[in-house]
Amino acid sequence: MKITSVKSISEAVKSRRKQLGLTQGETAAMCNVGVRFFSELENGKETLQMNKVLHCLEMLGINLYTLNREDDSGEFGADR
């Protein structure tokens, strides 16, 4: 999944939680965050603490990678 917005992250989190068969409360406890925080994460709140978001992603087994756009599109060729 290509992450292009906070909403993309929230969709990935919600999808993974459902895949694991967990409630928001169970997942929040597993991630050691409050249910309100986790709900806001799944709803795409843009002002959440990044360290908590990254911790939740780690606990859910979601990897987040960076890729330079030119590497993704091939725009600059292989010799750069």
PDB file of N, CA and C in Angstrom:
ATOM      1  N   MET A   1       0.847  -1.178   0.000  1.00  0.00           N
ATOM      2  CA  MET A   1       0.000   0.000   0.000  1.00  0.00           C
ATOM      3  C   MET A   1       0.890   1.236   0.000  1.00  0.00           C
ATOM      4  N   LYS A   2       0.629   2.163  -0.877  1.00  0.00           N
ATOM      5  CA  LYS A   2       1.368   3.411  -0.936  1.00  0.00           C
ATOM      6  C   LYS A   2       0.750   4.392   0.059  1.00  0.00           C
ATOM      7  N   ILE A   3       1.583   4.918   0.943  1.00  0.00           N
ATOM      8  CA  ILE A   3       1.112   5.879   1.948  1.00  0.00           C
ATOM      9  C   ILE A   3       1.227   7.276   1.363  1.00  0.00           C
ATOM     10  N   THR A   4       0.085   7.930   1.183  1.00  0.00           N
ATOM     11  CA  THR A   4       0.074   9.274   0.610  1.00  0.00           C
ATOM     12  C   THR A   4      -0.548  10.306   1.538  1.00  0.00           C
ATOM     13  N   SER A   5      -1.074   9.832   2.671  1.00  0.00           N
ATOM     14  CA  SER A   5      -1.746  10.743   3.595  1.00  0.00           C
ATOM     15  C   SER A   5      -1.908  10.067   4.952  1.00  0.00           C
ATOM     16  N   VAL A   6      -2.328  10.848   5.920  1.00  0.00           N
ATOM     17  CA  VAL A   6      -2.632  10.291   7.233  1.00  0.00           C
ATOM     18  C   VAL A   6      -3.758   9.272   7.102  1.00  0.00           C
ATOM     19  N   LYS A   7      -4.688   9.547   6.226  1.00  0.00           N
ATOM     20  CA  LYS A   7      -5.807   8.632   5.996  1.00  0.00           C
ATOM     21  C   LYS A   7      -5.305   7.269   5.509  1.00  0.00           C
ATOM     22  N   SER A   8      -4.268   7.254   4.701  1.00  0.00           N
ATOM     23  CA  SER A   8      -3.695   5.981   4.234  1.00  0.00           C
ATOM     24  C   SER A   8      -3.184   5.149   5.402  1.00  0.00           C
ATOM     25  N   ILE A   9      -2.527   5.822   6.355  1.00  0.00           N
ATOM     26  CA  ILE A   9      -2.019   5.125   7.537  1.00  0.00           C
ATOM     27  C   ILE A   9      -3.185   4.587   8.352  1.00  0.00           C
ATOM     28  N   SER A  10      -4.203   5.412   8.537  1.00  0.00           N
ATOM     29  CA  SER A  10      -5.346   4.987   9.351  1.00  0.00           C
ATOM     30  C   SER A  10      -6.055   3.792   8.724  1.00  0.00           C
ATOM     31  N   GLU A  11      -6.156   3.776   7.407  1.00  0.00           N
ATOM     32  CA  GLU A  11      -6.787   2.643   6.723  1.00  0.00           C
ATOM     33  C   GLU A  11      -5.961   1.370   6.889  1.00  0.00           C
ATOM     34  N   ALA A  12      -4.639   1.498   6.832  1.00  0.00           N
ATOM     35  CA  ALA A  12      -3.765   0.334   7.010  1.00  0.00           C
ATOM     36  C   ALA A  12      -3.889  -0.220   8.425  1.00  0.00           C
ATOM     37  N   VAL A  13      -3.957   0.672   9.406  1.00  0.00           N
ATOM     38  CA  VAL A  13      -4.082   0.259  10.812  1.00  0.00           C
ATOM     39  C   VAL A  13      -5.411  -0.453  11.040  1.00  0.00           C
ATOM     40  N   LYS A  14      -6.483   0.139  10.558  1.00  0.00           N
ATOM     41  CA  LYS A  14      -7.809  -0.458  10.749  1.00  0.00           C
ATOM     42  C   LYS A  14      -7.904  -1.816  10.061  1.00  0.00           C
ATOM     43  N   SER A  15      -7.380  -1.901   8.849  1.00  0.00           N
ATOM     44  CA  SER A  15      -7.402  -3.157   8.112  1.00  0.00           C
ATOM     45  C   SER A  15      -6.620  -4.241   8.852  1.00  0.00           C
ATOM     46  N   ARG A  16      -5.462  -3.888   9.367  1.00  0.00           N
ATOM     47  CA  ARG A  16      -4.630  -4.862  10.088  1.00  0.00           C
ATOM     48  C   ARG A  16      -5.311  -5.317  11.375  1.00  0.00           C
ATOM     49  N   ARG A  17      -5.917  -4.373  12.100  1.00  0.00           N
ATOM     50  CA  ARG A  17      -6.616  -4.727  13.342  1.00  0.00           C
ATOM     51  C   ARG A  17      -7.726  -5.726  13.051  1.00  0.00           C
ATOM     52  N   LYS A  18      -8.488  -5.453  12.015  1.00  0.00           N
ATOM     53  CA  LYS A  18      -9.583  -6.360  11.659  1.00  0.00           C
ATOM     54  C   LYS A  18      -9.050  -7.712  11.199  1.00  0.00           C
ATOM     55  N   GLN A  19      -7.943  -7.693  10.469  1.00  0.00           N
ATOM     56  CA  GLN A  19      -7.313  -8.937  10.023  1.00  0.00           C
ATOM     57  C   GLN A  19      -6.909  -9.792  11.226  1.00  0.00           C
ATOM     58  N   LEU A  20      -6.461  -9.136  12.292  1.00  0.00           N
ATOM     59  CA  LEU A  20      -6.059  -9.837  13.505  1.00  0.00           C
ATOM     60  C   LEU A  20      -7.249 -10.229  14.382  1.00  0.00           C
ATOM     61  N   GLY A  21      -8.446  -9.742  14.038  1.00  0.00           N
ATOM     62  CA  GLY A  21      -9.650 -10.075  14.794  1.00  0.00           C
ATOM     63  C   GLY A  21      -9.711  -9.423  16.161  1.00  0.00           C
ATOM     64  N   LEU A  22      -9.170  -8.208  16.268  1.00  0.00           N
ATOM     65  CA  LEU A  22      -9.127  -7.491  17.545  1.00  0.00           C
ATOM     66  C   LEU A  22     -10.085  -6.315  17.554  1.00  0.00           C
ATOM     67  N   THR A  23     -10.549  -5.969  18.743  1.00  0.00           N
ATOM     68  CA  THR A  23     -11.337  -4.752  18.917  1.00  0.00           C
ATOM     69  C   THR A  23     -10.376  -3.572  19.067  1.00  0.00           C
ATOM     70  N   GLN A  24     -10.916  -2.369  18.987  1.00  0.00           N
ATOM     71  CA  GLN A  24     -10.072  -1.193  19.226  1.00  0.00           C
ATOM     72  C   GLN A  24      -9.508  -1.227  20.645  1.00  0.00           C
ATOM     73  N   GLY A  25     -10.311  -1.620  21.601  1.00  0.00           N
ATOM     74  CA  GLY A  25      -9.863  -1.684  22.991  1.00  0.00           C
ATOM     75  C   GLY A  25      -8.740  -2.679  23.192  1.00  0.00           C
ATOM     76  N   GLU A  26      -8.882  -3.844  22.590  1.00  0.00           N
ATOM     77  CA  GLU A  26      -7.827  -4.869  22.699  1.00  0.00           C
ATOM     78  C   GLU A  26      -6.535  -4.398  22.041  1.00  0.00           C
ATOM     79  N   THR A  27      -6.685  -3.754  20.903  1.00  0.00           N
ATOM     80  CA  THR A  27      -5.503  -3.285  20.182  1.00  0.00           C
ATOM     81  C   THR A  27      -4.838  -2.139  20.918  1.00  0.00           C
ATOM     82  N   ALA A  28      -5.633  -1.242  21.460  1.00  0.00           N
ATOM     83  CA  ALA A  28      -5.072  -0.140  22.247  1.00  0.00           C
ATOM     84  C   ALA A  28      -4.278  -0.678  23.429  1.00  0.00           C
ATOM     85  N   ALA A  29      -4.811  -1.681  24.110  1.00  0.00           N
ATOM     86  CA  ALA A  29      -4.107  -2.290  25.243  1.00  0.00           C
ATOM     87  C   ALA A  29      -2.813  -2.949  24.785  1.00  0.00           C
ATOM     88  N   MET A  30      -2.860  -3.647  23.672  1.00  0.00           N
ATOM     89  CA  MET A  30      -1.677  -4.296  23.129  1.00  0.00           C
ATOM     90  C   MET A  30      -0.595  -3.269  22.786  1.00  0.00           C
ATOM     91  N   CYS A  31      -1.017  -2.100  22.307  1.00  0.00           N
ATOM     92  CA  CYS A  31      -0.084  -1.038  21.916  1.00  0.00           C
ATOM     93  C   CYS A  31       0.285  -0.126  23.084  1.00  0.00           C
ATOM     94  N   ASN A  32      -0.338  -0.362  24.239  1.00  0.00           N
ATOM     95  CA  ASN A  32      -0.099   0.461  25.431  1.00  0.00           C
ATOM     96  C   ASN A  32      -0.447   1.928  25.195  1.00  0.00           C
ATOM     97  N   VAL A  33      -1.568   2.157  24.515  1.00  0.00           N
ATOM     98  CA  VAL A  33      -2.106   3.499  24.317  1.00  0.00           C
ATOM     99  C   VAL A  33      -3.575   3.474  24.732  1.00  0.00           C
ATOM    100  N   GLY A  34      -4.134   4.629  24.907  1.00  0.00           N
ATOM    101  CA  GLY A  34      -5.544   4.711  25.265  1.00  0.00           C
ATOM    102  C   GLY A  34      -6.455   4.398  24.092  1.00  0.00           C
ATOM    103  N   VAL A  35      -7.681   4.001  24.415  1.00  0.00           N
ATOM    104  CA  VAL A  35      -8.665   3.694  23.372  1.00  0.00           C
ATOM    105  C   VAL A  35      -8.950   4.941  22.545  1.00  0.00           C
ATOM    106  N   ARG A  36      -9.011   6.096  23.190  1.00  0.00           N
ATOM    107  CA  ARG A  36      -9.263   7.340  22.457  1.00  0.00           C
ATOM    108  C   ARG A  36      -8.159   7.595  21.433  1.00  0.00           C
ATOM    109  N   PHE A  37      -6.899   7.438  21.851  1.00  0.00           N
ATOM    110  CA  PHE A  37      -5.786   7.628  20.908  1.00  0.00           C
ATOM    111  C   PHE A  37      -5.922   6.670  19.735  1.00  0.00           C
ATOM    112  N   PHE A  38      -6.196   5.409  20.026  1.00  0.00           N
ATOM    113  CA  PHE A  38      -6.275   4.420  18.955  1.00  0.00           C
ATOM    114  C   PHE A  38      -7.433   4.719  18.012  1.00  0.00           C
ATOM    115  N   SER A  39      -8.555   5.140  18.559  1.00  0.00           N
ATOM    116  CA  SER A  39      -9.690   5.516  17.734  1.00  0.00           C
ATOM    117  C   SER A  39      -9.333   6.694  16.829  1.00  0.00           C
ATOM    118  N   GLU A  40      -8.629   7.670  17.385  1.00  0.00           N
ATOM    119  CA  GLU A  40      -8.211   8.826  16.597  1.00  0.00           C
ATOM    120  C   GLU A  40      -7.217   8.418  15.514  1.00  0.00           C
ATOM    121  N   LEU A  41      -6.370   7.453  15.811  1.00  0.00           N
ATOM    122  CA  LEU A  41      -5.433   6.933  14.810  1.00  0.00           C
ATOM    123  C   LEU A  41      -6.198   6.310  13.652  1.00  0.00           C
ATOM    124  N   GLU A  42      -7.175   5.478  13.966  1.00  0.00           N
ATOM    125  CA  GLU A  42      -7.966   4.830  12.907  1.00  0.00           C
ATOM    126  C   GLU A  42      -8.834   5.817  12.137  1.00  0.00           C
ATOM    127  N   ASN A  43      -9.143   6.943  12.749  1.00  0.00           N
ATOM    128  CA  ASN A  43      -9.975   7.949  12.083  1.00  0.00           C
ATOM    129  C   ASN A  43      -9.153   9.016  11.375  1.00  0.00           C
ATOM    130  N   GLY A  44      -7.826   8.867  11.390  1.00  0.00           N
ATOM    131  CA  GLY A  44      -6.978   9.759  10.610  1.00  0.00           C
ATOM    132  C   GLY A  44      -6.721  11.120  11.213  1.00  0.00           C
ATOM    133  N   LYS A  45      -6.773  11.241  12.528  1.00  0.00           N
ATOM    134  CA  LYS A  45      -6.465  12.526  13.152  1.00  0.00           C
ATOM    135  C   LYS A  45      -5.035  12.912  12.812  1.00  0.00           C
ATOM    136  N   GLU A  46      -4.847  14.123  12.337  1.00  0.00           N
ATOM    137  CA  GLU A  46      -3.553  14.539  11.805  1.00  0.00           C
ATOM    138  C   GLU A  46      -2.570  15.048  12.857  1.00  0.00           C
ATOM    139  N   THR A  47      -2.996  15.220  14.091  1.00  0.00           N
ATOM    140  CA  THR A  47      -2.116  15.813  15.103  1.00  0.00           C
ATOM    141  C   THR A  47      -1.667  14.821  16.170  1.00  0.00           C
ATOM    142  N   LEU A  48      -1.682  13.553  15.871  1.00  0.00           N
ATOM    143  CA  LEU A  48      -1.250  12.545  16.840  1.00  0.00           C
ATOM    144  C   LEU A  48       0.262  12.542  16.978  1.00  0.00           C
ATOM    145  N   GLN A  49       0.726  12.103  18.140  1.00  0.00           N
ATOM    146  CA  GLN A  49       2.169  12.021  18.383  1.00  0.00           C
ATOM    147  C   GLN A  49       2.771  10.933  17.504  1.00  0.00           C
ATOM    148  N   MET A  50       3.755  11.337  16.719  1.00  0.00           N
ATOM    149  CA  MET A  50       4.359  10.422  15.756  1.00  0.00           C
ATOM    150  C   MET A  50       4.989   9.208  16.432  1.00  0.00           C
ATOM    151  N   ASN A  51       5.625   9.395  17.586  1.00  0.00           N
ATOM    152  CA  ASN A  51       6.254   8.249  18.253  1.00  0.00           C
ATOM    153  C   ASN A  51       5.220   7.207  18.662  1.00  0.00           C
ATOM    154  N   LYS A  52       4.046   7.637  19.075  1.00  0.00           N
ATOM    155  CA  LYS A  52       2.989   6.691  19.439  1.00  0.00           C
ATOM    156  C   LYS A  52       2.432   5.990  18.199  1.00  0.00           C
ATOM    157  N   VAL A  53       2.298   6.742  17.109  1.00  0.00           N
ATOM    158  CA  VAL A  53       1.807   6.150  15.861  1.00  0.00           C
ATOM    159  C   VAL A  53       2.790   5.071  15.394  1.00  0.00           C
ATOM    160  N   LEU A  54       4.079   5.404  15.389  1.00  0.00           N
ATOM    161  CA  LEU A  54       5.088   4.426  14.966  1.00  0.00           C
ATOM    162  C   LEU A  54       5.107   3.209  15.873  1.00  0.00           C
ATOM    163  N   HIS A  55       4.903   3.416  17.170  1.00  0.00           N
ATOM    164  CA  HIS A  55       4.855   2.288  18.106  1.00  0.00           C
ATOM    165  C   HIS A  55       3.666   1.379  17.787  1.00  0.00           C
ATOM    166  N   CYS A  56       2.514   1.968  17.506  1.00  0.00           N
ATOM    167  CA  CYS A  56       1.332   1.168  17.154  1.00  0.00           C
ATOM    168  C   CYS A  56       1.574   0.375  15.874  1.00  0.00           C
ATOM    169  N   LEU A  57       2.191   1.016  14.888  1.00  0.00           N
ATOM    170  CA  LEU A  57       2.496   0.307  13.647  1.00  0.00           C
ATOM    171  C   LEU A  57       3.403  -0.885  13.931  1.00  0.00           C
ATOM    172  N   GLU A  58       4.407  -0.678  14.761  1.00  0.00           N
ATOM    173  CA  GLU A  58       5.324  -1.767  15.107  1.00  0.00           C
ATOM    174  C   GLU A  58       4.596  -2.898  15.812  1.00  0.00           C
ATOM    175  N   MET A  59       3.757  -2.564  16.771  1.00  0.00           N
ATOM    176  CA  MET A  59       3.031  -3.584  17.526  1.00  0.00           C
ATOM    177  C   MET A  59       2.063  -4.371  16.640  1.00  0.00           C
ATOM    178  N   LEU A  60       1.540  -3.720  15.616  1.00  0.00           N
ATOM    179  CA  LEU A  60       0.615  -4.387  14.696  1.00  0.00           C
ATOM    180  C   LEU A  60       1.342  -5.148  13.588  1.00  0.00           C
ATOM    181  N   GLY A  61       2.665  -5.026  13.548  1.00  0.00           N
ATOM    182  CA  GLY A  61       3.425  -5.713  12.517  1.00  0.00           C
ATOM    183  C   GLY A  61       3.345  -5.035  11.168  1.00  0.00           C
ATOM    184  N   ILE A  62       3.161  -3.723  11.184  1.00  0.00           N
ATOM    185  CA  ILE A  62       3.102  -2.947   9.942  1.00  0.00           C
ATOM    186  C   ILE A  62       4.456  -2.266   9.762  1.00  0.00           C
ATOM    187  N   ASN A  63       5.108  -2.548   8.649  1.00  0.00           N
ATOM    188  CA  ASN A  63       6.375  -1.899   8.333  1.00  0.00           C
ATOM    189  C   ASN A  63       6.129  -0.664   7.492  1.00  0.00           C
ATOM    190  N   LEU A  64       6.865   0.383   7.770  1.00  0.00           N
ATOM    191  CA  LEU A  64       6.764   1.631   7.027  1.00  0.00           C
ATOM    192  C   LEU A  64       8.127   1.906   6.421  1.00  0.00           C
ATOM    193  N   TYR A  65       8.177   2.099   5.112  1.00  0.00           N
ATOM    194  CA  TYR A  65       9.429   2.321   4.401  1.00  0.00           C
ATOM    195  C   TYR A  65       9.398   3.659   3.686  1.00  0.00           C
ATOM    196  N   THR A  66      10.592   4.166   3.396  1.00  0.00           N
ATOM    197  CA  THR A  66      10.687   5.341   2.544  1.00  0.00           C
ATOM    198  C   THR A  66      11.322   4.923   1.231  1.00  0.00           C
ATOM    199  N   LEU A  67      10.934   5.598   0.182  1.00  0.00           N
ATOM    200  CA  LEU A  67      11.467   5.333  -1.142  1.00  0.00           C
ATOM    201  C   LEU A  67      11.488   6.662  -1.880  1.00  0.00           C
ATOM    202  N   ASN A  68      12.641   7.039  -2.389  1.00  0.00           N
ATOM    203  CA  ASN A  68      12.710   8.276  -3.159  1.00  0.00           C
ATOM    204  C   ASN A  68      11.852   8.143  -4.405  1.00  0.00           C
ATOM    205  N   ARG A  69      11.146   9.187  -4.742  1.00  0.00           N
ATOM    206  CA  ARG A  69      10.226   9.125  -5.881  1.00  0.00           C
ATOM    207  C   ARG A  69      10.917   8.711  -7.165  1.00  0.00           C
ATOM    208  N   GLU A  70      12.131   9.216  -7.387  1.00  0.00           N
ATOM    209  CA  GLU A  70      12.815   8.838  -8.626  1.00  0.00           C
ATOM    210  C   GLU A  70      13.140   7.351  -8.653  1.00  0.00           C
ATOM    211  N   ASP A  71      13.341   6.737  -7.484  1.00  0.00           N
ATOM    212  CA  ASP A  71      13.577   5.302  -7.420  1.00  0.00           C
ATOM    213  C   ASP A  71      12.299   4.525  -7.746  1.00  0.00           C
ATOM    214  N   ASP A  72      11.174   5.091  -7.380  1.00  0.00           N
ATOM    215  CA  ASP A  72       9.875   4.451  -7.591  1.00  0.00           C
ATOM    216  C   ASP A  72       9.415   4.583  -9.033  1.00  0.00           C
ATOM    217  N   SER A  73       9.648   5.727  -9.641  1.00  0.00           N
ATOM    218  CA  SER A  73       9.120   5.976 -10.980  1.00  0.00           C
ATOM    219  C   SER A  73      10.096   5.616 -12.093  1.00  0.00           C
ATOM    220  N   GLY A  74      11.382   5.487 -11.755  1.00  0.00           N
ATOM    221  CA  GLY A  74      12.385   5.228 -12.765  1.00  0.00           C
ATOM    222  C   GLY A  74      12.713   6.454 -13.579  1.00  0.00           C
ATOM    223  N   GLU A  75      12.205   7.606 -13.150  1.00  0.00           N
ATOM    224  CA  GLU A  75      12.338   8.845 -13.899  1.00  0.00           C
ATOM    225  C   GLU A  75      13.786   9.224 -14.195  1.00  0.00           C
ATOM    226  N   PHE A  76      14.699   8.976 -13.263  1.00  0.00           N
ATOM    227  CA  PHE A  76      16.086   9.408 -13.434  1.00  0.00           C
ATOM    228  C   PHE A  76      16.996   8.310 -13.936  1.00  0.00           C
ATOM    229  N   GLY A  77      16.471   7.152 -14.225  1.00  0.00           N
ATOM    230  CA  GLY A  77      17.268   6.071 -14.781  1.00  0.00           C
ATOM    231  C   GLY A  77      18.083   5.338 -13.721  1.00  0.00           C
ATOM    232  N   ALA A  78      18.645   4.226 -14.108  1.00  0.00           N
ATOM    233  CA  ALA A  78      19.361   3.358 -13.171  1.00  0.00           C
ATOM    234  C   ALA A  78      20.765   3.847 -12.883  1.00  0.00           C
ATOM    235  N   ASP A  79      21.310   4.760 -13.705  1.00  0.00           N
ATOM    236  CA  ASP A  79      22.695   5.164 -13.498  1.00  0.00           C
ATOM    237  C   ASP A  79      22.860   6.292 -12.505  1.00  0.00           C
ATOM    238  N   ARG A  80      21.831   6.774 -11.890  1.00  0.00           N
ATOM    239  CA  ARG A  80      21.946   7.849 -10.900  1.00  0.00           C
ATOM    240  C   ARG A  80      21.917   7.341  -9.521  1.00  0.00           C
TER     241      ARG A  80
END
